[in-house]
PDB file of N, CA and C in Angstrom:
ATOM      1  N   MET A   1      -7.118 -18.330  -4.614  1.00  0.00           N
ATOM      2  CA  MET A   1      -6.781 -19.614  -5.177  1.00  0.00           C
ATOM      3  C   MET A   1      -5.863 -19.402  -6.381  1.00  0.00           C
ATOM      4  N   TRP A   2      -4.813 -20.204  -6.472  1.00  0.00           N
ATOM      5  CA  TRP A   2      -3.876 -20.069  -7.578  1.00  0.00           C
ATOM      6  C   TRP A   2      -4.422 -20.753  -8.807  1.00  0.00           C
ATOM      7  N   THR A   3      -4.578 -19.966  -9.845  1.00  0.00           N
ATOM      8  CA  THR A   3      -4.956 -20.484 -11.153  1.00  0.00           C
ATOM      9  C   THR A   3      -3.883 -20.059 -12.132  1.00  0.00           C
ATOM     10  N   VAL A   4      -3.965 -20.557 -13.350  1.00  0.00           N
ATOM     11  CA  VAL A   4      -2.983 -20.182 -14.369  1.00  0.00           C
ATOM     12  C   VAL A   4      -3.002 -18.668 -14.594  1.00  0.00           C
ATOM     13  N   GLU A   5      -4.196 -18.079 -14.606  1.00  0.00           N
ATOM     14  CA  GLU A   5      -4.313 -16.639 -14.818  1.00  0.00           C
ATOM     15  C   GLU A   5      -3.713 -15.858 -13.641  1.00  0.00           C
ATOM     16  N   ASN A   6      -3.998 -16.321 -12.423  1.00  0.00           N
ATOM     17  CA  ASN A   6      -3.474 -15.636 -11.239  1.00  0.00           C
ATOM     18  C   ASN A   6      -1.958 -15.718 -11.167  1.00  0.00           C
ATOM     19  N   ARG A   7      -1.412 -16.875 -11.490  1.00  0.00           N
ATOM     20  CA  ARG A   7       0.044 -17.013 -11.451  1.00  0.00           C
ATOM     21  C   ARG A   7       0.703 -16.038 -12.410  1.00  0.00           C
ATOM     22  N   ALA A   8       0.172 -15.933 -13.606  1.00  0.00           N
ATOM     23  CA  ALA A   8       0.745 -15.014 -14.592  1.00  0.00           C
ATOM     24  C   ALA A   8       0.592 -13.569 -14.134  1.00  0.00           C
ATOM     25  N   ARG A   9      -0.539 -13.252 -13.543  1.00  0.00           N
ATOM     26  CA  ARG A   9      -0.788 -11.875 -13.114  1.00  0.00           C
ATOM     27  C   ARG A   9       0.112 -11.462 -11.955  1.00  0.00           C
ATOM     28  N   HIS A  10       0.485 -12.397 -11.099  1.00  0.00           N
ATOM     29  CA  HIS A  10       1.293 -12.093  -9.922  1.00  0.00           C
ATOM     30  C   HIS A  10       2.762 -12.476 -10.078  1.00  0.00           C
ATOM     31  N   ASP A  11       3.165 -12.797 -11.312  1.00  0.00           N
ATOM     32  CA  ASP A  11       4.556 -13.166 -11.566  1.00  0.00           C
ATOM     33  C   ASP A  11       5.451 -11.937 -11.444  1.00  0.00           C
ATOM     34  N   ARG A  12       6.443 -11.997 -10.581  1.00  0.00           N
ATOM     35  CA  ARG A  12       7.346 -10.871 -10.365  1.00  0.00           C
ATOM     36  C   ARG A  12       8.775 -11.213 -10.803  1.00  0.00           C
ATOM     37  N   SER A  13       8.933 -12.295 -11.559  1.00  0.00           N
ATOM     38  CA  SER A  13      10.271 -12.751 -11.925  1.00  0.00           C
ATOM     39  C   SER A  13      10.964 -11.809 -12.914  1.00  0.00           C
ATOM     40  N   LYS A  14      10.222 -11.002 -13.639  1.00  0.00           N
ATOM     41  CA  LYS A  14      10.830 -10.097 -14.615  1.00  0.00           C
ATOM     42  C   LYS A  14      11.192  -8.740 -14.012  1.00  0.00           C
ATOM     43  N   LEU A  15      10.878  -8.533 -12.743  1.00  0.00           N
ATOM     44  CA  LEU A  15      11.209  -7.282 -12.074  1.00  0.00           C
ATOM     45  C   LEU A  15      12.629  -7.341 -11.521  1.00  0.00           C
ATOM     46  N   ARG A  16      13.241  -6.195 -11.320  1.00  0.00           N
ATOM     47  CA  ARG A  16      14.591  -6.126 -10.768  1.00  0.00           C
ATOM     48  C   ARG A  16      14.641  -6.762  -9.384  1.00  0.00           C
ATOM     49  N   TYR A  17      13.699  -6.375  -8.509  1.00  0.00           N
ATOM     50  CA  TYR A  17      13.537  -6.963  -7.179  1.00  0.00           C
ATOM     51  C   TYR A  17      12.081  -7.405  -7.050  1.00  0.00           C
ATOM     52  N   PRO A  18      11.785  -8.463  -6.309  1.00  0.00           N
ATOM     53  CA  PRO A  18      10.392  -8.889  -6.146  1.00  0.00           C
ATOM     54  C   PRO A  18       9.507  -7.813  -5.524  1.00  0.00           C
ATOM     55  N   SER A  19      10.109  -6.869  -4.823  1.00  0.00           N
ATOM     56  CA  SER A  19       9.332  -5.815  -4.170  1.00  0.00           C
ATOM     57  C   SER A  19       9.028  -4.644  -5.099  1.00  0.00           C
ATOM     58  N   ASP A  20       9.630  -4.598  -6.286  1.00  0.00           N
ATOM     59  CA  ASP A  20       9.396  -3.491  -7.211  1.00  0.00           C
ATOM     60  C   ASP A  20       7.942  -3.447  -7.656  1.00  0.00           C
ATOM     61  N   LEU A  21       7.474  -2.240  -7.956  1.00  0.00           N
ATOM     62  CA  LEU A  21       6.099  -2.060  -8.413  1.00  0.00           C
ATOM     63  C   LEU A  21       5.956  -2.468  -9.869  1.00  0.00           C
ATOM     64  N   THR A  22       4.868  -3.155 -10.172  1.00  0.00           N
ATOM     65  CA  THR A  22       4.536  -3.424 -11.573  1.00  0.00           C
ATOM     66  C   THR A  22       3.945  -2.155 -12.167  1.00  0.00           C
ATOM     67  N   ASN A  23       3.759  -2.134 -13.477  1.00  0.00           N
ATOM     68  CA  ASN A  23       3.157  -0.958 -14.116  1.00  0.00           C
ATOM     69  C   ASN A  23       1.753  -0.704 -13.589  1.00  0.00           C
ATOM     70  N   GLU A  24       1.005  -1.762 -13.372  1.00  0.00           N
ATOM     71  CA  GLU A  24      -0.360  -1.627 -12.847  1.00  0.00           C
ATOM     72  C   GLU A  24      -0.354  -1.030 -11.437  1.00  0.00           C
ATOM     73  N   GLU A  25       0.542  -1.530 -10.602  1.00  0.00           N
ATOM     74  CA  GLU A  25       0.655  -1.013  -9.233  1.00  0.00           C
ATOM     75  C   GLU A  25       1.126   0.439  -9.237  1.00  0.00           C
ATOM     76  N   ARG A  26       2.051   0.745 -10.132  1.00  0.00           N
ATOM     77  CA  ARG A  26       2.547   2.115 -10.228  1.00  0.00           C
ATOM     78  C   ARG A  26       1.432   3.071 -10.636  1.00  0.00           C
ATOM     79  N   ASP A  27       0.579   2.647 -11.575  1.00  0.00           N
ATOM     80  CA  ASP A  27      -0.528   3.498 -12.013  1.00  0.00           C
ATOM     81  C   ASP A  27      -1.502   3.775 -10.870  1.00  0.00           C
ATOM     82  N   LEU A  28      -1.751   2.767 -10.029  1.00  0.00           N
ATOM     83  CA  LEU A  28      -2.617   2.971  -8.869  1.00  0.00           C
ATOM     84  C   LEU A  28      -2.000   3.972  -7.897  1.00  0.00           C
ATOM     85  N   ALA A  29      -0.719   3.821  -7.636  1.00  0.00           N
ATOM     86  CA  ALA A  29      -0.043   4.710  -6.684  1.00  0.00           C
ATOM     87  C   ALA A  29       0.116   6.115  -7.255  1.00  0.00           C
ATOM     88  N   LYS A  30       0.345   6.201  -8.558  1.00  0.00           N
ATOM     89  CA  LYS A  30       0.586   7.498  -9.194  1.00  0.00           C
ATOM     90  C   LYS A  30      -0.585   8.457  -9.008  1.00  0.00           C
ATOM     91  N   ALA A  31      -1.803   7.903  -8.981  1.00  0.00           N
ATOM     92  CA  ALA A  31      -2.987   8.738  -8.814  1.00  0.00           C
ATOM     93  C   ALA A  31      -3.019   9.403  -7.436  1.00  0.00           C
ATOM     94  N   GLU A  32      -2.371   8.807  -6.450  1.00  0.00           N
ATOM     95  CA  GLU A  32      -2.408   9.332  -5.087  1.00  0.00           C
ATOM     96  C   GLU A  32      -1.176  10.148  -4.715  1.00  0.00           C
ATOM     97  N   ILE A  33      -0.111  10.048  -5.492  1.00  0.00           N
ATOM     98  CA  ILE A  33       1.127  10.775  -5.197  1.00  0.00           C
ATOM     99  C   ILE A  33       0.975  12.219  -5.663  1.00  0.00           C
ATOM    100  N   PRO A  34       1.208  13.186  -4.783  1.00  0.00           N
ATOM    101  CA  PRO A  34       1.062  14.586  -5.198  1.00  0.00           C
ATOM    102  C   PRO A  34       2.137  14.972  -6.216  1.00  0.00           C
ATOM    103  N   PRO A  35       1.795  15.879  -7.134  1.00  0.00           N
ATOM    104  CA  PRO A  35       2.799  16.318  -8.115  1.00  0.00           C
ATOM    105  C   PRO A  35       3.882  17.154  -7.428  1.00  0.00           C
ATOM    106  N   ALA A  36       4.963  17.360  -8.146  1.00  0.00           N
ATOM    107  CA  ALA A  36       6.051  18.181  -7.611  1.00  0.00           C
ATOM    108  C   ALA A  36       5.543  19.598  -7.366  1.00  0.00           C
ATOM    109  N   LYS A  37       6.107  20.251  -6.371  1.00  0.00           N
ATOM    110  CA  LYS A  37       5.709  21.618  -6.059  1.00  0.00           C
ATOM    111  C   LYS A  37       6.095  22.547  -7.205  1.00  0.00           C
ATOM    112  N   ARG A  38       5.285  23.573  -7.392  1.00  0.00           N
ATOM    113  CA  ARG A  38       5.576  24.561  -8.426  1.00  0.00           C
ATOM    114  C   ARG A  38       6.719  25.457  -7.973  1.00  0.00           C
ATOM    115  N   GLY A  39       7.488  25.905  -8.938  1.00  0.00           N
ATOM    116  CA  GLY A  39       8.611  26.773  -8.631  1.00  0.00           C
ATOM    117  C   GLY A  39       9.804  25.971  -8.137  1.00  0.00           C
ATOM    118  N   GLY A  40      10.919  26.596  -8.029  1.00  0.00           N
ATOM    119  CA  GLY A  40      12.108  25.905  -7.547  1.00  0.00           C
ATOM    120  C   GLY A  40      12.643  24.913  -8.559  1.00  0.00           C
ATOM    121  N   ASP A  41      13.499  24.045  -8.105  1.00  0.00           N
ATOM    122  CA  ASP A  41      14.088  23.036  -8.987  1.00  0.00           C
ATOM    123  C   ASP A  41      13.064  21.969  -9.327  1.00  0.00           C
ATOM    124  N   LYS A  42      13.245  21.377 -10.509  1.00  0.00           N
ATOM    125  CA  LYS A  42      12.373  20.271 -10.887  1.00  0.00           C
ATOM    126  C   LYS A  42      12.736  19.047 -10.058  1.00  0.00           C
ATOM    127  N   ARG A  43      11.777  18.166  -9.914  1.00  0.00           N
ATOM    128  CA  ARG A  43      12.015  16.931  -9.164  1.00  0.00           C
ATOM    129  C   ARG A  43      13.101  16.146  -9.894  1.00  0.00           C
ATOM    130  N   SER A  44      14.152  15.807  -9.185  1.00  0.00           N
ATOM    131  CA  SER A  44      15.290  15.133  -9.820  1.00  0.00           C
ATOM    132  C   SER A  44      15.269  13.622  -9.621  1.00  0.00           C
ATOM    133  N   VAL A  45      14.307  13.137  -8.905  1.00  0.00           N
ATOM    134  CA  VAL A  45      14.233  11.697  -8.627  1.00  0.00           C
ATOM    135  C   VAL A  45      12.929  11.150  -9.198  1.00  0.00           C
ATOM    136  N   ASP A  46      13.000   9.940  -9.710  1.00  0.00           N
ATOM    137  CA  ASP A  46      11.809   9.281 -10.227  1.00  0.00           C
ATOM    138  C   ASP A  46      11.005   8.732  -9.046  1.00  0.00           C
ATOM    139  N   VAL A  47       9.755   9.143  -8.952  1.00  0.00           N
ATOM    140  CA  VAL A  47       8.921   8.736  -7.817  1.00  0.00           C
ATOM    141  C   VAL A  47       8.734   7.218  -7.799  1.00  0.00           C
ATOM    142  N   ARG A  48       8.712   6.593  -8.975  1.00  0.00           N
ATOM    143  CA  ARG A  48       8.595   5.136  -9.009  1.00  0.00           C
ATOM    144  C   ARG A  48       9.803   4.492  -8.327  1.00  0.00           C
ATOM    145  N   ASP A  49      10.995   5.036  -8.556  1.00  0.00           N
ATOM    146  CA  ASP A  49      12.180   4.499  -7.886  1.00  0.00           C
ATOM    147  C   ASP A  49      12.109   4.704  -6.376  1.00  0.00           C
ATOM    148  N   VAL A  50      11.551   5.836  -5.959  1.00  0.00           N
ATOM    149  CA  VAL A  50      11.371   6.079  -4.520  1.00  0.00           C
ATOM    150  C   VAL A  50      10.414   5.046  -3.941  1.00  0.00           C
ATOM    151  N   MET A  51       9.304   4.798  -4.639  1.00  0.00           N
ATOM    152  CA  MET A  51       8.340   3.788  -4.174  1.00  0.00           C
ATOM    153  C   MET A  51       8.999   2.402  -4.139  1.00  0.00           C
ATOM    154  N   ASN A  52       9.810   2.089  -5.150  1.00  0.00           N
ATOM    155  CA  ASN A  52      10.511   0.802  -5.159  1.00  0.00           C
ATOM    156  C   ASN A  52      11.469   0.695  -3.978  1.00  0.00           C
ATOM    157  N   GLY A  53      12.161   1.786  -3.656  1.00  0.00           N
ATOM    158  CA  GLY A  53      13.052   1.782  -2.487  1.00  0.00           C
ATOM    159  C   GLY A  53      12.284   1.578  -1.198  1.00  0.00           C
ATOM    160  N   LEU A  54      11.163   2.256  -1.088  1.00  0.00           N
ATOM    161  CA  LEU A  54      10.328   2.115   0.107  1.00  0.00           C
ATOM    162  C   LEU A  54       9.788   0.696   0.226  1.00  0.00           C
ATOM    163  N   MET A  55       9.303   0.143  -0.875  1.00  0.00           N
ATOM    164  CA  MET A  55       8.782  -1.225  -0.851  1.00  0.00           C
ATOM    165  C   MET A  55       9.894  -2.235  -0.556  1.00  0.00           C
ATOM    166  N   TYR A  56      11.116  -1.955  -1.013  1.00  0.00           N
ATOM    167  CA  TYR A  56      12.231  -2.844  -0.722  1.00  0.00           C
ATOM    168  C   TYR A  56      12.493  -2.908   0.784  1.00  0.00           C
ATOM    169  N   VAL A  57      12.548  -1.752   1.414  1.00  0.00           N
ATOM    170  CA  VAL A  57      12.798  -1.707   2.860  1.00  0.00           C
ATOM    171  C   VAL A  57      11.660  -2.397   3.614  1.00  0.00           C
ATOM    172  N   LEU A  58      10.420  -2.117   3.214  1.00  0.00           N
ATOM    173  CA  LEU A  58       9.272  -2.702   3.911  1.00  0.00           C
ATOM    174  C   LEU A  58       9.175  -4.210   3.709  1.00  0.00           C
ATOM    175  N   SER A  59       9.477  -4.688   2.502  1.00  0.00           N
ATOM    176  CA  SER A  59       9.305  -6.126   2.240  1.00  0.00           C
ATOM    177  C   SER A  59      10.463  -6.962   2.764  1.00  0.00           C
ATOM    178  N   THR A  60      11.677  -6.403   2.777  1.00  0.00           N
ATOM    179  CA  THR A  60      12.818  -7.191   3.241  1.00  0.00           C
ATOM    180  C   THR A  60      13.113  -6.979   4.713  1.00  0.00           C
ATOM    181  N   GLY A  61      12.677  -5.847   5.257  1.00  0.00           N
ATOM    182  CA  GLY A  61      12.983  -5.537   6.640  1.00  0.00           C
ATOM    183  C   GLY A  61      14.434  -5.134   6.829  1.00  0.00           C
ATOM    184  N   CYS A  62      15.097  -4.758   5.738  1.00  0.00           N
ATOM    185  CA  CYS A  62      16.509  -4.398   5.830  1.00  0.00           C
ATOM    186  C   CYS A  62      16.677  -3.042   6.508  1.00  0.00           C
ATOM    187  N   GLN A  63      17.872  -2.765   6.927  1.00  0.00           N
ATOM    188  CA  GLN A  63      18.187  -1.463   7.492  1.00  0.00           C
ATOM    189  C   GLN A  63      18.243  -0.452   6.356  1.00  0.00           C
ATOM    190  N   TRP A  64      17.969   0.809   6.691  1.00  0.00           N
ATOM    191  CA  TRP A  64      17.983   1.850   5.664  1.00  0.00           C
ATOM    192  C   TRP A  64      19.337   1.899   4.963  1.00  0.00           C
ATOM    193  N   ARG A  65      20.419   1.727   5.700  1.00  0.00           N
ATOM    194  CA  ARG A  65      21.734   1.826   5.073  1.00  0.00           C
ATOM    195  C   ARG A  65      22.039   0.631   4.171  1.00  0.00           C
ATOM    196  N   ALA A  66      21.206  -0.409   4.216  1.00  0.00           N
ATOM    197  CA  ALA A  66      21.398  -1.578   3.358  1.00  0.00           C
ATOM    198  C   ALA A  66      20.589  -1.480   2.067  1.00  0.00           C
ATOM    199  N   LEU A  67      19.990  -0.337   1.810  1.00  0.00           N
ATOM    200  CA  LEU A  67      19.236  -0.129   0.572  1.00  0.00           C
ATOM    201  C   LEU A  67      20.205  -0.258  -0.608  1.00  0.00           C
ATOM    202  N   PRO A  68      19.858  -1.056  -1.617  1.00  0.00           N
ATOM    203  CA  PRO A  68      20.779  -1.249  -2.751  1.00  0.00           C
ATOM    204  C   PRO A  68      21.146   0.069  -3.436  1.00  0.00           C
ATOM    205  N   LYS A  69      22.325   0.111  -4.010  1.00  0.00           N
ATOM    206  CA  LYS A  69      22.858   1.333  -4.614  1.00  0.00           C
ATOM    207  C   LYS A  69      22.113   1.743  -5.882  1.00  0.00           C
ATOM    208  N   ASP A  70      21.397   0.815  -6.518  1.00  0.00           N
ATOM    209  CA  ASP A  70      20.684   1.180  -7.746  1.00  0.00           C
ATOM    210  C   ASP A  70      19.313   1.804  -7.461  1.00  0.00           C
ATOM    211  N   LEU A  71      18.960   1.925  -6.198  1.00  0.00           N
ATOM    212  CA  LEU A  71      17.748   2.634  -5.796  1.00  0.00           C
ATOM    213  C   LEU A  71      18.157   4.025  -5.301  1.00  0.00           C
ATOM    214  N   PRO A  72      17.207   4.954  -5.165  1.00  0.00           N
ATOM    215  CA  PRO A  72      17.575   6.286  -4.658  1.00  0.00           C
ATOM    216  C   PRO A  72      18.234   6.187  -3.282  1.00  0.00           C
ATOM    217  N   ARG A  73      18.963   7.245  -2.922  1.00  0.00           N
ATOM    218  CA  ARG A  73      19.641   7.264  -1.621  1.00  0.00           C
ATOM    219  C   ARG A  73      18.637   7.095  -0.494  1.00  0.00           C
ATOM    220  N   ARG A  74      19.119   6.512   0.592  1.00  0.00           N
ATOM    221  CA  ARG A  74      18.229   6.255   1.731  1.00  0.00           C
ATOM    222  C   ARG A  74      17.651   7.543   2.289  1.00  0.00           C
ATOM    223  N   SER A  75      18.397   8.633   2.246  1.00  0.00           N
ATOM    224  CA  SER A  75      17.879   9.899   2.754  1.00  0.00           C
ATOM    225  C   SER A  75      16.727  10.397   1.891  1.00  0.00           C
ATOM    226  N   THR A  76      16.793  10.150   0.595  1.00  0.00           N
ATOM    227  CA  THR A  76      15.716  10.558  -0.310  1.00  0.00           C
ATOM    228  C   THR A  76      14.465   9.734  -0.055  1.00  0.00           C
ATOM    229  N   VAL A  77      14.627   8.425   0.032  1.00  0.00           N
ATOM    230  CA  VAL A  77      13.477   7.538   0.268  1.00  0.00           C
ATOM    231  C   VAL A  77      12.851   7.852   1.631  1.00  0.00           C
ATOM    232  N   SER A  78      13.680   8.041   2.638  1.00  0.00           N
ATOM    233  CA  SER A  78      13.183   8.361   3.972  1.00  0.00           C
ATOM    234  C   SER A  78      12.457   9.707   3.985  1.00  0.00           C
ATOM    235  N   HIS A  79      13.006  10.692   3.275  1.00  0.00           N
ATOM    236  CA  HIS A  79      12.367  12.012   3.199  1.00  0.00           C
ATOM    237  C   HIS A  79      10.971  11.903   2.591  1.00  0.00           C
ATOM    238  N   TYR A  80      10.850  11.179   1.479  1.00  0.00           N
ATOM    239  CA  TYR A  80       9.541  11.022   0.842  1.00  0.00           C
ATOM    240  C   TYR A  80       8.576  10.276   1.754  1.00  0.00           C
ATOM    241  N   LEU A  81       9.058   9.251   2.448  1.00  0.00           N
ATOM    242  CA  LEU A  81       8.193   8.518   3.374  1.00  0.00           C
ATOM    243  C   LEU A  81       7.644   9.448   4.451  1.00  0.00           C
ATOM    244  N   CYS A  82       8.504  10.240   5.048  1.00  0.00           N
ATOM    245  CA  CYS A  82       8.060  11.180   6.093  1.00  0.00           C
ATOM    246  C   CYS A  82       7.092  12.217   5.528  1.00  0.00           C
ATOM    247  N   HIS A  83       7.412  12.739   4.360  1.00  0.00           N
ATOM    248  CA  HIS A  83       6.558  13.756   3.744  1.00  0.00           C
ATOM    249  C   HIS A  83       5.177  13.175   3.409  1.00  0.00           C
ATOM    250  N   TRP A  84       5.159  11.980   2.830  1.00  0.00           N
ATOM    251  CA  TRP A  84       3.878  11.358   2.456  1.00  0.00           C
ATOM    252  C   TRP A  84       3.065  10.989   3.689  1.00  0.00           C
ATOM    253  N   GLN A  85       3.723  10.659   4.789  1.00  0.00           N
ATOM    254  CA  GLN A  85       3.007  10.377   6.033  1.00  0.00           C
ATOM    255  C   GLN A  85       2.357  11.648   6.561  1.00  0.00           C
ATOM    256  N   GLN A  86       3.098  12.756   6.535  1.00  0.00           N
ATOM    257  CA  GLN A  86       2.595  14.013   7.076  1.00  0.00           C
ATOM    258  C   GLN A  86       1.477  14.618   6.240  1.00  0.00           C
ATOM    259  N   ASP A  87       1.580  14.528   4.908  1.00  0.00           N
ATOM    260  CA  ASP A  87       0.569  15.184   4.072  1.00  0.00           C
ATOM    261  C   ASP A  87      -0.636  14.290   3.761  1.00  0.00           C
ATOM    262  N   GLY A  88      -0.656  13.064   4.304  1.00  0.00           N
ATOM    263  CA  GLY A  88      -1.813  12.189   4.137  1.00  0.00           C
ATOM    264  C   GLY A  88      -1.786  11.328   2.891  1.00  0.00           C
ATOM    265  N   THR A  89      -0.696  11.373   2.130  1.00  0.00           N
ATOM    266  CA  THR A  89      -0.606  10.574   0.901  1.00  0.00           C
ATOM    267  C   THR A  89      -0.713   9.085   1.204  1.00  0.00           C
ATOM    268  N   LEU A  90      -0.037   8.617   2.254  1.00  0.00           N
ATOM    269  CA  LEU A  90      -0.089   7.193   2.584  1.00  0.00           C
ATOM    270  C   LEU A  90      -1.500   6.770   2.996  1.00  0.00           C
ATOM    271  N   ASP A  91      -2.210   7.640   3.707  1.00  0.00           N
ATOM    272  CA  ASP A  91      -3.593   7.336   4.088  1.00  0.00           C
ATOM    273  C   ASP A  91      -4.487   7.239   2.849  1.00  0.00           C
ATOM    274  N   ARG A  92      -4.307   8.160   1.898  1.00  0.00           N
ATOM    275  CA  ARG A  92      -5.107   8.133   0.666  1.00  0.00           C
ATOM    276  C   ARG A  92      -4.794   6.895  -0.158  1.00  0.00           C
ATOM    277  N   LEU A  93      -3.530   6.534  -0.228  1.00  0.00           N
ATOM    278  CA  LEU A  93      -3.122   5.340  -0.968  1.00  0.00           C
ATOM    279  C   LEU A  93      -3.701   4.086  -0.311  1.00  0.00           C
ATOM    280  N   HIS A  94      -3.631   4.021   1.007  1.00  0.00           N
ATOM    281  CA  HIS A  94      -4.197   2.879   1.726  1.00  0.00           C
ATOM    282  C   HIS A  94      -5.696   2.771   1.487  1.00  0.00           C
ATOM    283  N   HIS A  95      -6.400   3.888   1.533  1.00  0.00           N
ATOM    284  CA  HIS A  95      -7.847   3.871   1.316  1.00  0.00           C
ATOM    285  C   HIS A  95      -8.181   3.424  -0.108  1.00  0.00           C
ATOM    286  N   ALA A  96      -7.434   3.906  -1.089  1.00  0.00           N
ATOM    287  CA  ALA A  96      -7.682   3.514  -2.481  1.00  0.00           C
ATOM    288  C   ALA A  96      -7.484   2.006  -2.661  1.00  0.00           C
ATOM    289  N   LEU A  97      -6.435   1.457  -2.046  1.00  0.00           N
ATOM    290  CA  LEU A  97      -6.194   0.014  -2.139  1.00  0.00           C
ATOM    291  C   LEU A  97      -7.256  -0.782  -1.382  1.00  0.00           C
ATOM    292  N   TYR A  98      -7.698  -0.259  -0.261  1.00  0.00           N
ATOM    293  CA  TYR A  98      -8.752  -0.901   0.528  1.00  0.00           C
ATOM    294  C   TYR A  98     -10.046  -1.009  -0.285  1.00  0.00           C
ATOM    295  N   VAL A  99     -10.434   0.095  -0.918  1.00  0.00           N
ATOM    296  CA  VAL A  99     -11.645   0.109  -1.738  1.00  0.00           C
ATOM    297  C   VAL A  99     -11.493  -0.861  -2.900  1.00  0.00           C
ATOM    298  N   LEU A 100     -10.345  -0.864  -3.567  1.00  0.00           N
ATOM    299  CA  LEU A 100     -10.107  -1.763  -4.688  1.00  0.00           C
ATOM    300  C   LEU A 100     -10.214  -3.228  -4.259  1.00  0.00           C
ATOM    301  N   CYS A 101      -9.629  -3.571  -3.117  1.00  0.00           N
ATOM    302  CA  CYS A 101      -9.696  -4.960  -2.620  1.00  0.00           C
ATOM    303  C   CYS A 101     -11.131  -5.372  -2.321  1.00  0.00           C
ATOM    304  N   ARG A 102     -11.900  -4.482  -1.730  1.00  0.00           N
ATOM    305  CA  ARG A 102     -13.301  -4.803  -1.431  1.00  0.00           C
ATOM    306  C   ARG A 102     -14.098  -4.988  -2.714  1.00  0.00           C
ATOM    307  N   GLU A 103     -13.848  -4.138  -3.705  1.00  0.00           N
ATOM    308  CA  GLU A 103     -14.569  -4.260  -4.968  1.00  0.00           C
ATOM    309  C   GLU A 103     -14.188  -5.544  -5.691  1.00  0.00           C
ATOM    310  N   GLN A 104     -12.922  -5.940  -5.641  1.00  0.00           N
ATOM    311  CA  GLN A 104     -12.489  -7.183  -6.273  1.00  0.00           C
ATOM    312  C   GLN A 104     -13.112  -8.401  -5.594  1.00  0.00           C
ATOM    313  N   ALA A 105     -13.460  -8.266  -4.327  1.00  0.00           N
ATOM    314  CA  ALA A 105     -14.102  -9.351  -3.589  1.00  0.00           C
ATOM    315  C   ALA A 105     -15.633  -9.275  -3.707  1.00  0.00           C
ATOM    316  N   ASP A 106     -16.131  -8.449  -4.646  1.00  0.00           N
ATOM    317  CA  ASP A 106     -17.571  -8.264  -4.855  1.00  0.00           C
ATOM    318  C   ASP A 106     -18.281  -7.808  -3.593  1.00  0.00           C
ATOM    319  N   ARG A 107     -17.667  -6.860  -2.898  1.00  0.00           N
ATOM    320  CA  ARG A 107     -18.269  -6.276  -1.699  1.00  0.00           C
ATOM    321  C   ARG A 107     -18.422  -4.783  -1.925  1.00  0.00           C
ATOM    322  N   ALA A 108     -19.265  -4.170  -1.115  1.00  0.00           N
ATOM    323  CA  ALA A 108     -19.432  -2.725  -1.202  1.00  0.00           C
ATOM    324  C   ALA A 108     -18.106  -2.045  -0.851  1.00  0.00           C
ATOM    325  N   ALA A 109     -17.866  -0.878  -1.443  1.00  0.00           N
ATOM    326  CA  ALA A 109     -16.599  -0.180  -1.227  1.00  0.00           C
ATOM    327  C   ALA A 109     -16.351   0.122   0.247  1.00  0.00           C
ATOM    328  N   SER A 110     -17.409   0.403   0.987  1.00  0.00           N
ATOM    329  CA  SER A 110     -17.251   0.612   2.424  1.00  0.00           C
ATOM    330  C   SER A 110     -18.156  -0.365   3.163  1.00  0.00           C
ATOM    331  N   PRO A 111     -17.703  -0.878   4.306  1.00  0.00           N
ATOM    332  CA  PRO A 111     -18.505  -1.858   5.027  1.00  0.00           C
ATOM    333  C   PRO A 111     -19.807  -1.246   5.538  1.00  0.00           C
ATOM    334  N   THR A 112     -20.837  -2.092   5.594  1.00  0.00           N
ATOM    335  CA  THR A 112     -22.135  -1.614   6.067  1.00  0.00           C
ATOM    336  C   THR A 112     -22.347  -1.898   7.549  1.00  0.00           C
ATOM    337  N   ALA A 113     -21.478  -2.710   8.129  1.00  0.00           N
ATOM    338  CA  ALA A 113     -21.585  -3.037   9.549  1.00  0.00           C
ATOM    339  C   ALA A 113     -20.185  -3.237  10.118  1.00  0.00           C
ATOM    340  N   ALA A 114     -20.089  -3.071  11.408  1.00  0.00           N
ATOM    341  CA  ALA A 114     -18.806  -3.273  12.078  1.00  0.00           C
ATOM    342  C   ALA A 114     -19.056  -3.905  13.442  1.00  0.00           C
ATOM    343  N   ILE A 115     -18.065  -4.618  13.930  1.00  0.00           N
ATOM    344  CA  ILE A 115     -18.134  -5.234  15.260  1.00  0.00           C
ATOM    345  C   ILE A 115     -17.076  -4.556  16.114  1.00  0.00           C
ATOM    346  N   ILE A 116     -17.500  -4.066  17.254  1.00  0.00           N
ATOM    347  CA  ILE A 116     -16.570  -3.422  18.172  1.00  0.00           C
ATOM    348  C   ILE A 116     -16.441  -4.301  19.397  1.00  0.00           C
ATOM    349  N   ASP A 117     -15.244  -4.736  19.673  1.00  0.00           N
ATOM    350  CA  ASP A 117     -14.973  -5.601  20.816  1.00  0.00           C
ATOM    351  C   ASP A 117     -14.454  -4.754  21.957  1.00  0.00           C
ATOM    352  N   ARG A 118     -15.071  -4.872  23.109  1.00  0.00           N
ATOM    353  CA  ARG A 118     -14.641  -4.072  24.258  1.00  0.00           C
ATOM    354  C   ARG A 118     -13.897  -4.900  25.238  1.00  0.00           C
TER     355      ARG A 118
END
């Protein structure tokens, strides 16, 4: 239900794109994103910008080549998406958000019953 508090909390008008992560959302995702590998070159891209690029593609449904120029290159965003899919980062992030949503709805973190339709 939209209340004055909810409207303010979900206001995205001050973000560059409506799909960009807020600081709160970034903090949630940051806990699940693996750190840069040791050795070699330092990570040259901001992971928040990569997440913003990924969220832009997912929320707008645009083609990868239509990613705005102020976001990381499409090859970089695509590489991180593939890597996070393979190493389980996206699954961990999804689970963390799932648990948070259930807790916000005053429910147990994991369901106690399930219905299987055959």
